[in-house]
N, C-alpha and C. Protein backbone atom coordinates (compact mmCIF):
# COMPACT_ATOMS: atom_id res chain seq x y z
N MET A 1 13.62 64.28 -92.91
CA MET A 1 12.33 63.69 -93.22
C MET A 1 11.78 63.05 -91.95
N LYS A 2 10.49 63.19 -91.74
CA LYS A 2 9.85 62.60 -90.57
C LYS A 2 9.40 61.17 -90.85
N ARG A 3 9.44 60.38 -89.81
CA ARG A 3 8.96 59.00 -89.90
C ARG A 3 7.43 59.02 -90.02
N ASN A 4 6.91 58.27 -90.96
CA ASN A 4 5.48 58.18 -91.19
C ASN A 4 5.07 56.72 -90.96
N MET A 5 4.40 56.48 -89.85
CA MET A 5 4.05 55.10 -89.50
C MET A 5 3.01 54.50 -90.44
N ASP A 6 2.18 55.34 -91.06
CA ASP A 6 1.25 54.80 -92.06
C ASP A 6 2.02 54.26 -93.26
N LEU A 7 3.05 54.97 -93.67
CA LEU A 7 3.88 54.49 -94.78
C LEU A 7 4.63 53.22 -94.38
N ILE A 8 5.13 53.17 -93.16
CA ILE A 8 5.79 51.97 -92.65
C ILE A 8 4.84 50.77 -92.78
N ARG A 9 3.62 50.95 -92.34
CA ARG A 9 2.62 49.88 -92.40
C ARG A 9 2.32 49.47 -93.84
N GLU A 10 2.20 50.44 -94.73
CA GLU A 10 1.91 50.13 -96.14
C GLU A 10 3.08 49.39 -96.80
N ILE A 11 4.29 49.78 -96.48
CA ILE A 11 5.46 49.07 -97.03
C ILE A 11 5.46 47.62 -96.55
N LEU A 12 5.22 47.42 -95.26
CA LEU A 12 5.19 46.05 -94.73
C LEU A 12 4.11 45.22 -95.41
N ARG A 13 2.95 45.83 -95.66
CA ARG A 13 1.88 45.13 -96.37
C ARG A 13 2.32 44.74 -97.79
N ALA A 14 2.99 45.66 -98.47
CA ALA A 14 3.45 45.39 -99.84
C ALA A 14 4.47 44.26 -99.85
N VAL A 15 5.36 44.26 -98.88
CA VAL A 15 6.38 43.20 -98.80
C VAL A 15 5.70 41.86 -98.53
N GLU A 16 4.76 41.84 -97.62
CA GLU A 16 4.05 40.60 -97.30
C GLU A 16 3.28 40.06 -98.51
N ALA A 17 2.74 40.94 -99.33
CA ALA A 17 1.93 40.52 -100.48
C ALA A 17 2.76 39.84 -101.57
N CYS A 18 4.07 40.02 -101.54
CA CYS A 18 4.94 39.40 -102.54
C CYS A 18 5.05 37.90 -102.26
N GLU A 19 4.72 37.10 -103.25
CA GLU A 19 4.75 35.65 -103.09
C GLU A 19 6.11 35.03 -103.40
N ALA A 20 7.00 35.80 -104.02
CA ALA A 20 8.30 35.26 -104.43
C ALA A 20 9.21 35.08 -103.21
N SER A 21 9.88 33.95 -103.14
CA SER A 21 10.76 33.68 -102.00
C SER A 21 11.96 34.62 -101.95
N TYR A 22 12.35 35.16 -103.10
CA TYR A 22 13.49 36.08 -103.14
C TYR A 22 13.10 37.50 -102.74
N GLY A 23 11.82 37.74 -102.50
CA GLY A 23 11.37 39.04 -102.01
C GLY A 23 10.96 40.00 -103.10
N ILE A 24 10.67 41.19 -102.68
CA ILE A 24 10.20 42.26 -103.55
C ILE A 24 11.31 43.29 -103.67
N ASN A 25 11.35 44.00 -104.76
CA ASN A 25 12.25 45.15 -104.88
C ASN A 25 11.50 46.39 -104.42
N SER A 26 12.18 47.50 -104.30
CA SER A 26 11.57 48.73 -103.77
C SER A 26 10.13 48.87 -104.26
N PRO A 27 9.17 48.80 -103.33
CA PRO A 27 7.77 48.86 -103.74
C PRO A 27 7.34 50.27 -104.14
N ILE A 28 6.28 50.34 -104.91
CA ILE A 28 5.64 51.62 -105.24
C ILE A 28 4.41 51.71 -104.36
N ILE A 29 4.32 52.76 -103.57
CA ILE A 29 3.19 52.97 -102.68
C ILE A 29 2.50 54.26 -103.13
N GLU A 30 1.26 54.13 -103.56
CA GLU A 30 0.53 55.29 -104.08
C GLU A 30 0.47 56.42 -103.05
N GLY A 31 0.77 57.63 -103.51
CA GLY A 31 0.72 58.80 -102.65
C GLY A 31 2.04 59.15 -101.99
N TYR A 32 3.08 58.34 -102.24
CA TYR A 32 4.39 58.59 -101.64
C TYR A 32 5.47 58.62 -102.71
N SER A 33 6.46 59.47 -102.52
CA SER A 33 7.55 59.61 -103.49
C SER A 33 8.58 58.49 -103.29
N GLU A 34 9.42 58.30 -104.31
CA GLU A 34 10.52 57.33 -104.20
C GLU A 34 11.42 57.67 -103.03
N SER A 35 11.64 58.96 -102.82
CA SER A 35 12.50 59.41 -101.73
C SER A 35 11.91 59.04 -100.37
N GLN A 36 10.62 59.26 -100.21
CA GLN A 36 9.96 58.90 -98.95
C GLN A 36 10.03 57.39 -98.71
N ILE A 37 9.77 56.63 -99.75
CA ILE A 37 9.79 55.17 -99.63
C ILE A 37 11.19 54.68 -99.30
N ALA A 38 12.21 55.19 -99.99
CA ALA A 38 13.59 54.78 -99.74
C ALA A 38 14.00 55.09 -98.30
N TYR A 39 13.63 56.27 -97.81
CA TYR A 39 13.96 56.65 -96.43
C TYR A 39 13.31 55.68 -95.44
N HIS A 40 12.05 55.36 -95.67
CA HIS A 40 11.35 54.48 -94.75
C HIS A 40 11.81 53.02 -94.86
N LEU A 41 12.26 52.61 -96.04
CA LEU A 41 12.88 51.29 -96.16
C LEU A 41 14.14 51.22 -95.30
N ARG A 42 14.92 52.31 -95.31
CA ARG A 42 16.11 52.36 -94.46
C ARG A 42 15.74 52.22 -92.98
N LEU A 43 14.67 52.93 -92.58
CA LEU A 43 14.22 52.84 -91.20
C LEU A 43 13.78 51.41 -90.85
N LEU A 44 13.09 50.77 -91.79
CA LEU A 44 12.63 49.40 -91.55
C LEU A 44 13.80 48.42 -91.41
N VAL A 45 14.84 48.61 -92.20
CA VAL A 45 16.04 47.78 -92.07
C VAL A 45 16.67 48.03 -90.70
N ASP A 46 16.83 49.31 -90.35
CA ASP A 46 17.44 49.67 -89.07
C ASP A 46 16.68 49.09 -87.88
N SER A 47 15.35 49.04 -88.00
CA SER A 47 14.53 48.55 -86.89
C SER A 47 14.44 47.03 -86.84
N GLY A 48 14.95 46.36 -87.88
CA GLY A 48 14.92 44.91 -87.91
C GLY A 48 13.59 44.32 -88.38
N LEU A 49 12.73 45.14 -89.00
CA LEU A 49 11.44 44.63 -89.46
C LEU A 49 11.51 44.02 -90.85
N ILE A 50 12.51 44.45 -91.65
CA ILE A 50 12.74 43.86 -92.96
C ILE A 50 14.22 43.56 -93.12
N GLU A 51 14.50 42.67 -94.07
CA GLU A 51 15.88 42.43 -94.48
C GLU A 51 15.94 42.61 -95.99
N VAL A 52 17.09 43.02 -96.47
CA VAL A 52 17.26 43.20 -97.92
C VAL A 52 18.50 42.45 -98.36
N LYS A 53 18.45 41.98 -99.59
CA LYS A 53 19.61 41.26 -100.14
C LYS A 53 20.67 42.22 -100.67
N ASP A 54 20.22 43.37 -101.21
CA ASP A 54 21.16 44.32 -101.79
C ASP A 54 20.51 45.69 -101.88
N VAL A 55 21.35 46.71 -101.93
CA VAL A 55 20.89 48.08 -102.14
C VAL A 55 21.69 48.64 -103.30
N ALA A 56 20.98 49.09 -104.32
CA ALA A 56 21.63 49.68 -105.49
C ALA A 56 21.27 51.15 -105.54
N GLY A 57 22.23 51.96 -105.87
CA GLY A 57 21.97 53.39 -105.98
C GLY A 57 23.13 54.05 -106.65
N GLY A 58 22.96 55.28 -106.92
CA GLY A 58 24.02 56.01 -107.59
C GLY A 58 23.94 57.47 -107.26
N PHE A 59 24.78 58.22 -107.91
CA PHE A 59 24.86 59.65 -107.68
C PHE A 59 23.52 60.30 -108.02
N GLN A 60 22.97 61.02 -107.09
CA GLN A 60 21.73 61.79 -107.24
C GLN A 60 20.54 60.94 -107.67
N GLN A 61 20.47 59.72 -107.18
CA GLN A 61 19.27 58.92 -107.39
C GLN A 61 18.97 58.17 -106.11
N GLU A 62 17.72 57.82 -105.92
CA GLU A 62 17.32 57.12 -104.70
C GLU A 62 17.85 55.70 -104.71
N ASP A 63 18.16 55.20 -103.53
CA ASP A 63 18.57 53.80 -103.41
C ASP A 63 17.41 52.90 -103.81
N GLU A 64 17.72 51.80 -104.47
CA GLU A 64 16.72 50.77 -104.74
C GLU A 64 17.06 49.57 -103.89
N TYR A 65 16.09 49.14 -103.12
CA TYR A 65 16.27 48.00 -102.24
C TYR A 65 15.83 46.75 -102.99
N ILE A 66 16.69 45.74 -102.99
CA ILE A 66 16.48 44.54 -103.80
C ILE A 66 16.33 43.32 -102.88
N GLY A 67 15.33 42.52 -103.15
CA GLY A 67 15.12 41.30 -102.37
C GLY A 67 14.66 41.58 -100.96
N ILE A 68 13.61 42.38 -100.81
CA ILE A 68 13.11 42.75 -99.49
C ILE A 68 12.19 41.64 -98.97
N ASN A 69 12.43 41.22 -97.74
CA ASN A 69 11.58 40.25 -97.06
C ASN A 69 11.31 40.71 -95.64
N LEU A 70 10.18 40.28 -95.09
CA LEU A 70 9.88 40.56 -93.69
C LEU A 70 10.74 39.66 -92.80
N THR A 71 11.15 40.18 -91.68
CA THR A 71 11.80 39.37 -90.65
C THR A 71 10.70 38.80 -89.74
N TRP A 72 11.11 37.99 -88.80
CA TRP A 72 10.16 37.47 -87.82
C TRP A 72 9.48 38.63 -87.10
N ASN A 73 10.28 39.62 -86.67
CA ASN A 73 9.73 40.79 -85.98
C ASN A 73 8.82 41.60 -86.90
N GLY A 74 9.17 41.66 -88.18
CA GLY A 74 8.31 42.36 -89.14
C GLY A 74 6.97 41.68 -89.29
N GLN A 75 6.97 40.34 -89.31
CA GLN A 75 5.71 39.59 -89.36
C GLN A 75 4.88 39.87 -88.11
N ASP A 76 5.52 39.85 -86.95
CA ASP A 76 4.81 40.12 -85.69
C ASP A 76 4.20 41.52 -85.70
N PHE A 77 5.00 42.51 -86.13
CA PHE A 77 4.50 43.88 -86.14
C PHE A 77 3.31 44.01 -87.08
N LEU A 78 3.43 43.48 -88.29
CA LEU A 78 2.35 43.60 -89.27
C LEU A 78 1.10 42.87 -88.79
N ASN A 79 1.25 41.70 -88.20
CA ASN A 79 0.08 40.98 -87.68
C ASN A 79 -0.63 41.78 -86.61
N ALA A 80 0.14 42.43 -85.74
CA ALA A 80 -0.46 43.24 -84.68
C ALA A 80 -1.09 44.52 -85.22
N ALA A 81 -0.54 45.06 -86.31
CA ALA A 81 -1.01 46.35 -86.86
C ALA A 81 -2.00 46.18 -88.01
N ARG A 82 -2.41 44.97 -88.29
CA ARG A 82 -3.23 44.69 -89.47
C ARG A 82 -4.64 45.30 -89.38
N ASP A 83 -5.27 45.21 -88.23
CA ASP A 83 -6.65 45.68 -88.07
C ASP A 83 -6.72 47.21 -88.15
N ASP A 84 -7.55 47.72 -89.07
CA ASP A 84 -7.63 49.17 -89.29
C ASP A 84 -8.13 49.94 -88.07
N SER A 85 -9.11 49.41 -87.36
CA SER A 85 -9.63 50.13 -86.19
C SER A 85 -8.60 50.14 -85.06
N LEU A 86 -7.87 49.05 -84.89
CA LEU A 86 -6.82 49.02 -83.88
C LEU A 86 -5.67 49.96 -84.27
N TRP A 87 -5.35 50.01 -85.56
CA TRP A 87 -4.29 50.91 -86.03
C TRP A 87 -4.68 52.36 -85.77
N LYS A 88 -5.94 52.70 -86.02
CA LYS A 88 -6.42 54.07 -85.76
C LYS A 88 -6.29 54.40 -84.28
N LYS A 89 -6.65 53.45 -83.44
CA LYS A 89 -6.52 53.65 -81.99
C LYS A 89 -5.06 53.81 -81.58
N ALA A 90 -4.18 53.03 -82.20
CA ALA A 90 -2.74 53.14 -81.91
C ALA A 90 -2.22 54.51 -82.31
N LYS A 91 -2.67 55.00 -83.45
CA LYS A 91 -2.22 56.33 -83.89
C LYS A 91 -2.67 57.40 -82.90
N GLU A 92 -3.90 57.31 -82.43
CA GLU A 92 -4.41 58.31 -81.49
C GLU A 92 -3.74 58.20 -80.12
N SER A 93 -3.54 56.98 -79.64
CA SER A 93 -3.05 56.77 -78.28
C SER A 93 -1.53 56.79 -78.15
N VAL A 94 -0.83 56.35 -79.18
CA VAL A 94 0.62 56.19 -79.07
C VAL A 94 1.36 57.08 -80.07
N ILE A 95 1.08 56.91 -81.34
CA ILE A 95 1.88 57.55 -82.39
C ILE A 95 1.73 59.06 -82.39
N ASP A 96 0.48 59.55 -82.36
CA ASP A 96 0.23 60.99 -82.45
C ASP A 96 0.08 61.66 -81.09
N SER A 97 0.36 60.95 -80.02
CA SER A 97 0.14 61.48 -78.67
C SER A 97 1.19 62.51 -78.24
N GLY A 98 2.29 62.59 -78.97
CA GLY A 98 3.35 63.51 -78.59
C GLY A 98 4.37 62.87 -77.66
N VAL A 99 4.08 61.67 -77.20
CA VAL A 99 5.00 60.94 -76.35
C VAL A 99 5.89 60.10 -77.26
N GLY A 100 7.18 60.09 -77.01
CA GLY A 100 8.09 59.30 -77.83
C GLY A 100 7.77 57.81 -77.72
N PHE A 101 8.04 57.09 -78.77
CA PHE A 101 7.80 55.65 -78.76
C PHE A 101 8.84 54.97 -79.64
N THR A 102 9.02 53.70 -79.40
CA THR A 102 9.88 52.87 -80.25
C THR A 102 8.99 51.87 -80.97
N VAL A 103 9.53 51.24 -81.99
CA VAL A 103 8.77 50.20 -82.69
C VAL A 103 8.42 49.09 -81.70
N GLN A 104 9.34 48.76 -80.81
CA GLN A 104 9.10 47.70 -79.84
C GLN A 104 7.98 48.08 -78.88
N SER A 105 7.97 49.34 -78.42
CA SER A 105 6.90 49.75 -77.50
C SER A 105 5.55 49.82 -78.21
N LEU A 106 5.55 50.23 -79.47
CA LEU A 106 4.30 50.25 -80.24
C LEU A 106 3.80 48.83 -80.45
N LEU A 107 4.69 47.91 -80.77
CA LEU A 107 4.30 46.51 -80.95
C LEU A 107 3.74 45.94 -79.64
N ALA A 108 4.37 46.24 -78.52
CA ALA A 108 3.89 45.77 -77.23
C ALA A 108 2.50 46.32 -76.94
N TRP A 109 2.27 47.60 -77.25
CA TRP A 109 0.97 48.22 -77.05
C TRP A 109 -0.08 47.53 -77.93
N LEU A 110 0.24 47.32 -79.20
CA LEU A 110 -0.70 46.66 -80.12
C LEU A 110 -1.04 45.25 -79.64
N LYS A 111 -0.03 44.50 -79.23
CA LYS A 111 -0.28 43.13 -78.75
C LYS A 111 -1.15 43.14 -77.50
N ALA A 112 -0.91 44.09 -76.60
CA ALA A 112 -1.72 44.19 -75.38
C ALA A 112 -3.18 44.48 -75.72
N GLN A 113 -3.41 45.30 -76.73
CA GLN A 113 -4.78 45.63 -77.14
C GLN A 113 -5.47 44.41 -77.74
N VAL A 114 -4.74 43.61 -78.47
CA VAL A 114 -5.32 42.40 -79.08
C VAL A 114 -5.75 41.42 -77.99
N LEU A 115 -4.99 41.36 -76.90
CA LEU A 115 -5.29 40.43 -75.82
C LEU A 115 -6.43 40.90 -74.92
N MET A 116 -6.81 42.16 -75.03
CA MET A 116 -7.89 42.71 -74.17
C MET A 116 -9.24 42.19 -74.59
C-alpha cells in the first residue's frame, strides 16, 4: 500500500478534534477503507506523530487502534499543514514532485513557507 499524505493529514485532524483526554479510537475517514486507515495509523505511530494506548486485532481483521493522541511532533506537523493553500503547494512542490521526502523534511519545508 502506498503512503497517502492527504489521509495522514485527515487522520491527524480527526485525532485533534477528539476532546477526550484518553484519545480517539480508530477514526472513520470518509472515502477510505478500514485497511487504508489502519495502515496509515501504523505509519503515524512509526513516524512519532501519534501515540496509541493499545492495538486490538485478530485473525483476518484490521487492527483497531485504541486511545490515539497526537504527540508534540504531531501537533507541530498538523499546525504547519493546516492551511489548505499551503498544503496544496506542499503537495505540488514536495510530495508529488517525485523527490523522496521524510515527514521531518516535509515539516521543515512547511514551517519555512509559514515564515516567508
